[in-house]
Amino acid sequence: MINFFRRIRKKLADDNQFFKYSRYAIGEIVLVVIGILIALQINNWNESQVLRQKVTVQLQNLSLGLQNDLRMLNFHKDANETRFHSWQHILKYAERDSVILSELPWSEDNRGGWQKPLPIKKNEDFMHIGIQNLSWAFLPPPLESSALEEMKSIGLFSEISDEKLKKDVDRFYFLLELYLGETNNKIAYELAQELTGLLRNNYGISIFQKTKADLVLNAITTDDHTHIMLTDLIYYAYDHHREIVNLNNNGERLLIELNSQIVE
């Protein structure tokens, strides 16, 4: 195409020594400038495509990490339901007042260690589940924040064009760390460990071996300290459940928003 225009300008310029040659030279310069601009445009487009692809890969990684976090949130939601109900069960049959809170939901496919209907009578097995759950209660879950950290460290998070998405991602992971991180869980975790040790050392109750229900109930009935500690843990389980439900709802919405930005 460029050679075609050159031939036309040369033919037009041949009839005039100076002015027509000048027009020919100017035409050559214009062609060179146009060629440079086209090359720059193509180069910018290629770089934009490469950057867009990198952002897409990082968004995909972020989406996978978020899906793992949502599975972890569901697991801990179910675990807190089991803690709440099994600990309330112990208080009820220890003839101690149950904690007056709105009831948490329950499903028989609960992943908190009790995949059956809630007992309506004194149940030794359900009490044992409550004692077992003291061992790892409120242990901070492993969260998938590495994808977000990597995206920010290599400067690609700022390349996300949707400002609302960036704010929503930052807010979700801030709240995730706030509610489920080590700092917020430390007091509840240490309280559960303290109660575990007290029951083991003072009453011979093990989290690994099934203990007779009457022994567990006696520890709660006769010892105000164990009663208060278990009551506090029920409040923690209730609050953690509410926080996790809110996080899970926000995370589900964020996942939809995030996936809508992924360009294959």
Protein backbone atom coordinates (compact mmCIF):
# COMPACT_ATOMS: atom_id res chain seq x y z
CA MET A 1 0.00 0.00 0.00
CA ILE A 2 2.79 2.44 0.90
CA ASN A 3 4.70 1.63 -2.32
CA PHE A 4 1.52 2.31 -4.32
CA PHE A 5 1.22 5.83 -2.87
CA ARG A 6 4.91 6.43 -3.42
CA ARG A 7 4.60 5.64 -7.13
CA ILE A 8 1.67 8.02 -7.50
CA ARG A 9 3.50 10.89 -5.74
CA LYS A 10 6.68 10.28 -7.72
CA LYS A 11 4.79 10.38 -11.01
CA LEU A 12 3.07 13.64 -10.04
CA ALA A 13 6.32 15.17 -8.91
CA ASP A 14 8.36 14.26 -12.01
CA ASP A 15 6.96 17.20 -14.01
CA ASN A 16 8.27 19.82 -11.56
CA GLN A 17 11.87 19.80 -10.32
CA PHE A 18 11.52 21.54 -6.94
CA PHE A 19 7.94 21.92 -5.81
CA LYS A 20 6.84 18.55 -6.97
CA TYR A 21 9.90 16.92 -5.43
CA SER A 22 9.12 18.77 -2.19
CA ARG A 23 5.62 17.39 -2.23
CA TYR A 24 7.06 13.95 -2.82
CA ALA A 25 9.47 14.35 0.14
CA ILE A 26 6.68 15.62 2.38
CA GLY A 27 4.58 12.66 1.33
CA GLU A 28 7.43 10.33 2.29
CA ILE A 29 7.66 11.97 5.72
CA VAL A 30 3.91 11.69 6.21
CA LEU A 31 4.03 8.01 5.30
CA VAL A 32 6.85 7.39 7.77
CA VAL A 33 4.95 9.22 10.53
CA ILE A 34 1.78 7.28 9.75
CA GLY A 35 3.76 4.03 9.82
CA ILE A 36 5.29 4.92 13.19
CA LEU A 37 1.88 5.83 14.62
CA ILE A 38 0.37 2.58 13.36
CA ALA A 39 3.27 0.60 14.82
CA LEU A 40 2.90 2.37 18.17
CA GLN A 41 -0.83 1.74 18.14
CA ILE A 42 -0.29 -1.96 17.44
CA ASN A 43 2.38 -2.14 20.16
CA ASN A 44 0.09 -0.40 22.67
CA TRP A 45 -2.74 -2.74 21.75
CA ASN A 46 -0.49 -5.77 22.21
CA GLU A 47 0.70 -4.52 25.60
CA SER A 48 -2.89 -3.82 26.61
CA GLN A 49 -3.88 -7.36 25.63
CA VAL A 50 -0.98 -8.85 27.57
CA LEU A 51 -1.85 -6.77 30.65
CA ARG A 52 -5.50 -7.69 30.33
CA GLN A 53 -4.60 -11.37 30.16
CA LYS A 54 -2.42 -11.08 33.27
CA VAL A 55 -5.24 -9.38 35.16
CA THR A 56 -7.65 -12.12 34.02
CA VAL A 57 -5.32 -14.85 35.31
CA GLN A 58 -5.02 -13.09 38.67
CA LEU A 59 -8.79 -12.62 38.88
CA GLN A 60 -9.24 -16.33 38.22
CA ASN A 61 -6.81 -17.13 41.04
CA LEU A 62 -8.69 -14.71 43.30
CA SER A 63 -11.97 -16.39 42.39
CA LEU A 64 -10.59 -19.85 43.24
CA GLY A 65 -9.24 -18.54 46.56
CA LEU A 66 -12.60 -16.99 47.38
CA GLN A 67 -14.39 -20.26 46.62
CA ASN A 68 -12.06 -22.08 49.03
CA ASP A 69 -12.74 -19.43 51.68
CA LEU A 70 -16.50 -19.85 51.22
CA ARG A 71 -16.18 -23.61 51.72
CA MET A 72 -14.16 -22.95 54.88
CA LEU A 73 -16.78 -20.47 56.09
CA ASN A 74 -19.55 -23.03 55.60
CA PHE A 75 -17.55 -25.62 57.55
CA HIS A 76 -17.04 -23.22 60.47
CA LYS A 77 -20.67 -22.11 60.34
CA ASP A 78 -21.75 -25.72 60.83
CA ALA A 79 -19.13 -26.24 63.54
CA ASN A 80 -20.46 -23.26 65.50
CA GLU A 81 -24.00 -24.62 65.20
CA THR A 82 -22.82 -27.90 66.72
CA ARG A 83 -20.90 -26.12 69.48
CA PHE A 84 -23.84 -23.91 70.34
CA HIS A 85 -26.40 -26.73 70.52
CA SER A 86 -24.18 -29.35 72.19
CA TRP A 87 -23.00 -26.90 74.87
CA GLN A 88 -26.57 -25.74 75.48
CA HIS A 89 -27.52 -29.42 75.79
CA ILE A 90 -24.91 -29.87 78.54
CA LEU A 91 -26.17 -26.79 80.42
CA LYS A 92 -29.76 -27.95 80.17
CA TYR A 93 -29.14 -31.35 81.76
CA ALA A 94 -26.66 -29.97 84.27
CA GLU A 95 -29.72 -28.14 85.60
CA ARG A 96 -28.07 -24.86 84.82
CA ASP A 97 -29.94 -22.10 83.01
CA SER A 98 -29.43 -22.23 79.27
CA VAL A 99 -28.11 -19.13 77.57
CA ILE A 100 -31.07 -17.14 76.30
CA LEU A 101 -30.28 -16.44 72.67
CA SER A 102 -32.13 -16.82 69.41
CA GLU A 103 -31.86 -20.41 68.30
CA LEU A 104 -29.37 -21.15 65.56
CA PRO A 105 -30.53 -23.20 62.57
CA TRP A 106 -29.76 -26.89 62.32
CA SER A 107 -29.59 -29.34 59.42
CA GLU A 108 -28.97 -33.08 59.59
CA ASP A 109 -26.13 -32.85 57.06
CA ASN A 110 -24.28 -30.59 59.51
CA ARG A 111 -20.49 -30.93 59.14
CA GLY A 112 -19.78 -30.14 62.78
CA GLY A 113 -19.58 -33.78 63.85
CA TRP A 114 -23.25 -34.65 64.49
CA GLN A 115 -25.13 -35.63 61.34
CA LYS A 116 -28.39 -36.49 63.09
CA PRO A 117 -31.46 -34.67 64.38
CA LEU A 118 -30.93 -32.61 67.51
CA PRO A 119 -31.55 -34.76 70.60
CA ILE A 120 -34.74 -33.98 72.47
CA LYS A 121 -33.67 -36.05 75.48
CA LYS A 122 -30.42 -36.34 77.41
CA ASN A 123 -27.88 -37.75 74.99
CA GLU A 124 -24.44 -38.87 76.15
CA ASP A 125 -23.02 -39.01 72.63
CA PHE A 126 -24.11 -35.43 71.91
CA MET A 127 -22.48 -34.26 75.13
CA HIS A 128 -19.28 -36.00 74.10
CA ILE A 129 -19.39 -34.12 70.77
CA GLY A 130 -19.58 -30.90 72.80
CA ILE A 131 -16.53 -31.89 74.85
CA GLN A 132 -14.61 -32.89 71.70
CA ASN A 133 -15.37 -29.54 70.11
CA LEU A 134 -13.52 -27.78 72.92
CA SER A 135 -10.23 -29.11 71.53
CA TRP A 136 -10.16 -26.94 68.40
CA ALA A 137 -12.94 -24.47 69.08
CA PHE A 138 -12.30 -21.04 67.55
CA LEU A 139 -8.97 -22.08 66.07
CA PRO A 140 -8.45 -19.54 63.24
CA PRO A 141 -9.20 -21.26 59.91
CA PRO A 142 -6.69 -21.30 57.05
CA LEU A 143 -7.78 -18.50 54.72
CA GLU A 144 -6.85 -18.04 51.06
CA SER A 145 -5.57 -14.45 50.96
CA SER A 146 -2.38 -15.27 49.01
CA ALA A 147 -3.99 -14.58 45.62
CA LEU A 148 -5.00 -11.07 46.69
CA GLU A 149 -1.58 -10.41 48.24
CA GLU A 150 0.17 -11.55 45.06
CA MET A 151 -2.09 -9.43 42.88
CA LYS A 152 -1.26 -6.37 44.94
CA SER A 153 2.47 -7.12 45.19
CA ILE A 154 2.91 -7.24 41.40
CA GLY A 155 0.79 -4.14 40.86
CA LEU A 156 -2.10 -5.80 39.02
CA PHE A 157 -4.80 -5.08 41.61
CA SER A 158 -4.71 -1.41 40.63
CA GLU A 159 -5.32 -2.44 36.99
CA ILE A 160 -8.83 -3.64 37.79
CA SER A 161 -11.03 -1.10 36.05
CA ASP A 162 -14.10 -1.62 38.26
CA GLU A 163 -13.56 0.55 41.34
CA LYS A 164 -16.55 -0.96 43.15
CA LEU A 165 -15.10 -4.45 42.72
CA LYS A 166 -11.78 -3.36 44.20
CA LYS A 167 -13.50 -1.82 47.22
CA ASP A 168 -15.69 -4.91 47.71
CA VAL A 169 -12.68 -7.25 47.56
CA ASP A 170 -10.71 -5.14 50.04
CA ARG A 171 -13.67 -4.91 52.41
CA PHE A 172 -14.42 -8.64 52.31
CA TYR A 173 -10.87 -9.68 53.14
CA PHE A 174 -10.59 -7.00 55.80
CA LEU A 175 -13.73 -8.34 57.52
CA LEU A 176 -12.58 -11.94 57.00
CA GLU A 177 -9.37 -11.24 58.90
CA LEU A 178 -11.18 -9.11 61.48
CA TYR A 179 -13.76 -11.76 62.37
CA LEU A 180 -11.84 -15.01 61.79
CA GLY A 181 -8.22 -13.96 62.14
CA GLU A 182 -6.00 -14.85 65.07
CA THR A 183 -6.54 -11.59 66.98
CA ASN A 184 -10.33 -11.83 67.21
CA ASN A 185 -10.30 -15.57 67.93
CA LYS A 186 -7.52 -15.59 70.48
CA ILE A 187 -9.61 -14.96 73.62
CA ALA A 188 -12.26 -17.55 72.71
CA TYR A 189 -9.65 -20.12 71.65
CA GLU A 190 -7.65 -19.71 74.86
CA LEU A 191 -10.84 -19.91 76.96
CA ALA A 192 -11.77 -23.21 75.29
CA GLN A 193 -8.27 -24.55 75.92
CA GLU A 194 -8.45 -23.46 79.56
CA LEU A 195 -11.79 -25.21 80.06
CA THR A 196 -10.41 -28.34 78.38
CA GLY A 197 -7.49 -28.40 80.80
CA LEU A 198 -9.71 -27.75 83.82
CA LEU A 199 -12.07 -30.61 82.94
CA ARG A 200 -9.15 -32.97 82.31
CA ASN A 201 -7.13 -32.09 85.42
CA ASN A 202 -9.97 -31.67 87.93
CA TYR A 203 -12.56 -34.15 86.69
CA GLY A 204 -10.72 -36.67 84.50
CA ILE A 205 -12.73 -35.70 81.44
CA SER A 206 -10.84 -36.29 78.19
CA ILE A 207 -11.68 -34.82 74.81
CA PHE A 208 -10.40 -38.02 73.16
CA GLN A 209 -12.24 -40.63 75.22
CA LYS A 210 -15.96 -40.78 75.72
CA THR A 211 -16.84 -39.75 79.25
CA LYS A 212 -20.02 -40.71 81.11
CA ALA A 213 -22.61 -37.97 80.85
CA ASP A 214 -23.08 -37.79 84.62
CA LEU A 215 -19.40 -36.95 85.11
CA VAL A 216 -19.62 -34.11 82.59
CA LEU A 217 -22.85 -32.82 84.11
CA ASN A 218 -21.45 -32.99 87.61
CA ALA A 219 -18.46 -30.83 86.58
CA ILE A 220 -20.78 -28.12 85.24
CA THR A 221 -23.33 -28.41 88.05
CA THR A 222 -20.96 -28.22 91.01
CA ASP A 223 -18.28 -25.89 89.64
CA ASP A 224 -19.37 -22.32 89.00
CA HIS A 225 -16.12 -21.63 87.18
CA THR A 226 -16.71 -24.31 84.53
CA HIS A 227 -20.32 -23.16 84.20
CA ILE A 228 -19.31 -19.55 83.53
CA MET A 229 -16.62 -20.58 81.07
CA LEU A 230 -19.00 -22.80 79.09
CA THR A 231 -21.62 -20.06 79.09
CA ASP A 232 -19.11 -17.57 77.69
CA LEU A 233 -18.12 -20.05 74.98
CA ILE A 234 -21.77 -20.40 73.96
CA TYR A 235 -21.92 -16.64 73.45
CA TYR A 236 -18.75 -16.80 71.37
CA ALA A 237 -20.17 -19.62 69.22
CA TYR A 238 -23.36 -17.62 68.67
CA ASP A 239 -21.51 -14.43 67.70
CA HIS A 240 -19.09 -16.27 65.44
CA HIS A 241 -21.98 -17.96 63.67
CA ARG A 242 -23.66 -14.63 62.94
CA GLU A 243 -20.40 -13.12 61.70
CA ILE A 244 -19.73 -16.10 59.44
CA VAL A 245 -23.25 -16.02 57.96
CA ASN A 246 -22.80 -12.33 57.08
CA LEU A 247 -19.35 -13.00 55.62
CA ASN A 248 -20.67 -15.92 53.62
CA ASN A 249 -23.49 -13.83 52.13
CA ASN A 250 -21.07 -11.04 51.22
CA GLY A 251 -18.63 -13.57 49.77
CA GLU A 252 -21.30 -15.17 47.56
CA ARG A 253 -22.20 -11.77 46.13
CA LEU A 254 -18.53 -10.90 45.67
CA LEU A 255 -17.90 -14.15 43.80
CA ILE A 256 -20.65 -13.33 41.30
CA GLU A 257 -19.28 -9.81 40.90
CA LEU A 258 -15.73 -11.11 40.51
CA ASN A 259 -16.58 -13.77 37.94
CA SER A 260 -18.46 -11.20 35.84
CA GLN A 261 -15.14 -9.34 35.40
CA ILE A 262 -13.18 -12.37 34.21
CA VAL A 263 -12.67 -12.13 30.44
CA GLU A 264 -11.72 -15.41 28.81
